[in-house]
Amino acid sequence: MVPPSRSDLVAQVVADVEAAGLTCSPTPSLAQSIVFEWLDGSVGVLTFDQALSGASAGEGWVRSYCAAP
């Protein structure tokens, strides 16, 4: 599946995570938190394992990898 364009909601969640002190990047990396977008357009912050499981199951897309700077 090809993910849709990054939504405003994704951008807001990334901004919230970065405001909490983490640095986010769309480049794949090990991370403390993952911004994940489900097929229905909802967005949340998951652990690396949860995001990997969701992406593997076709439930949505990893949008950003976030870790302490």
Protein backbone atom coordinates (compact mmCIF):
# COMPACT_ATOMS: atom_id res chain seq x y z
CA MET A 1 0.00 0.00 0.00
CA VAL A 2 1.13 3.52 -0.74
CA PRO A 3 0.44 5.93 2.12
CA PRO A 4 -1.57 9.06 1.41
CA SER A 5 0.04 12.47 1.74
CA ARG A 6 1.01 13.48 5.25
CA SER A 7 -2.03 15.01 6.93
CA ASP A 8 -2.33 18.09 9.09
CA LEU A 9 -3.21 15.77 11.97
CA VAL A 10 0.10 13.91 11.53
CA ALA A 11 1.96 17.24 11.53
CA GLN A 12 0.16 18.28 14.73
CA VAL A 13 0.96 15.02 16.54
CA VAL A 14 4.62 15.28 15.46
CA ALA A 15 4.70 18.87 16.78
CA ASP A 16 3.20 17.72 20.09
CA VAL A 17 5.77 14.94 20.46
CA GLU A 18 8.62 17.33 19.64
CA ALA A 19 7.25 19.85 22.17
CA ALA A 20 7.56 17.07 24.75
CA GLY A 21 11.31 16.93 24.04
CA LEU A 22 11.75 14.26 21.38
CA THR A 23 13.18 14.76 17.89
CA CYS A 24 11.12 13.26 15.05
CA SER A 25 12.13 12.24 11.55
CA PRO A 26 10.42 10.41 8.68
CA THR A 27 13.66 8.47 8.14
CA PRO A 28 13.43 4.92 9.55
CA SER A 29 15.36 4.47 12.78
CA LEU A 30 15.07 2.89 16.20
CA ALA A 31 12.86 5.17 18.22
CA GLN A 32 11.15 5.56 21.56
CA SER A 33 7.88 6.66 20.00
CA ILE A 34 6.35 6.25 16.56
CA VAL A 35 3.73 8.55 15.05
CA PHE A 36 1.36 6.12 13.31
CA GLU A 37 -1.56 6.87 10.98
CA TRP A 38 -4.33 4.27 10.74
CA LEU A 39 -6.24 3.59 7.54
CA ASP A 40 -9.21 5.58 8.86
CA GLY A 41 -7.02 8.71 9.15
CA SER A 42 -6.67 8.71 12.92
CA VAL A 43 -3.16 9.32 14.27
CA GLY A 44 -1.50 8.24 17.49
CA VAL A 45 1.81 7.66 19.19
CA LEU A 46 2.84 4.01 19.54
CA THR A 47 5.84 2.05 20.72
CA PHE A 48 8.21 0.74 18.07
CA ASP A 49 6.83 -2.81 18.48
CA GLN A 50 3.20 -1.68 18.21
CA ALA A 51 3.92 0.35 15.07
CA LEU A 52 5.84 -2.51 13.47
CA SER A 53 2.95 -4.86 14.16
CA GLY A 54 0.34 -2.42 12.83
CA ALA A 55 2.30 -1.65 9.67
CA SER A 56 2.98 -5.34 9.03
CA ALA A 57 -0.72 -6.11 9.39
CA GLY A 58 -1.62 -3.38 6.89
CA GLU A 59 -3.45 -1.32 9.51
CA GLY A 60 -1.74 1.95 8.56
CA TRP A 61 1.58 3.70 8.12
CA VAL A 62 4.52 4.82 10.22
CA ARG A 63 4.70 8.57 9.72
CA SER A 64 7.57 9.59 12.01
CA TYR A 65 10.22 8.06 14.23
CA CYS A 66 10.77 9.99 17.44
CA ALA A 67 13.60 9.68 19.96
CA ALA A 68 15.48 11.70 22.54
CA PRO A 69 18.03 13.99 20.94
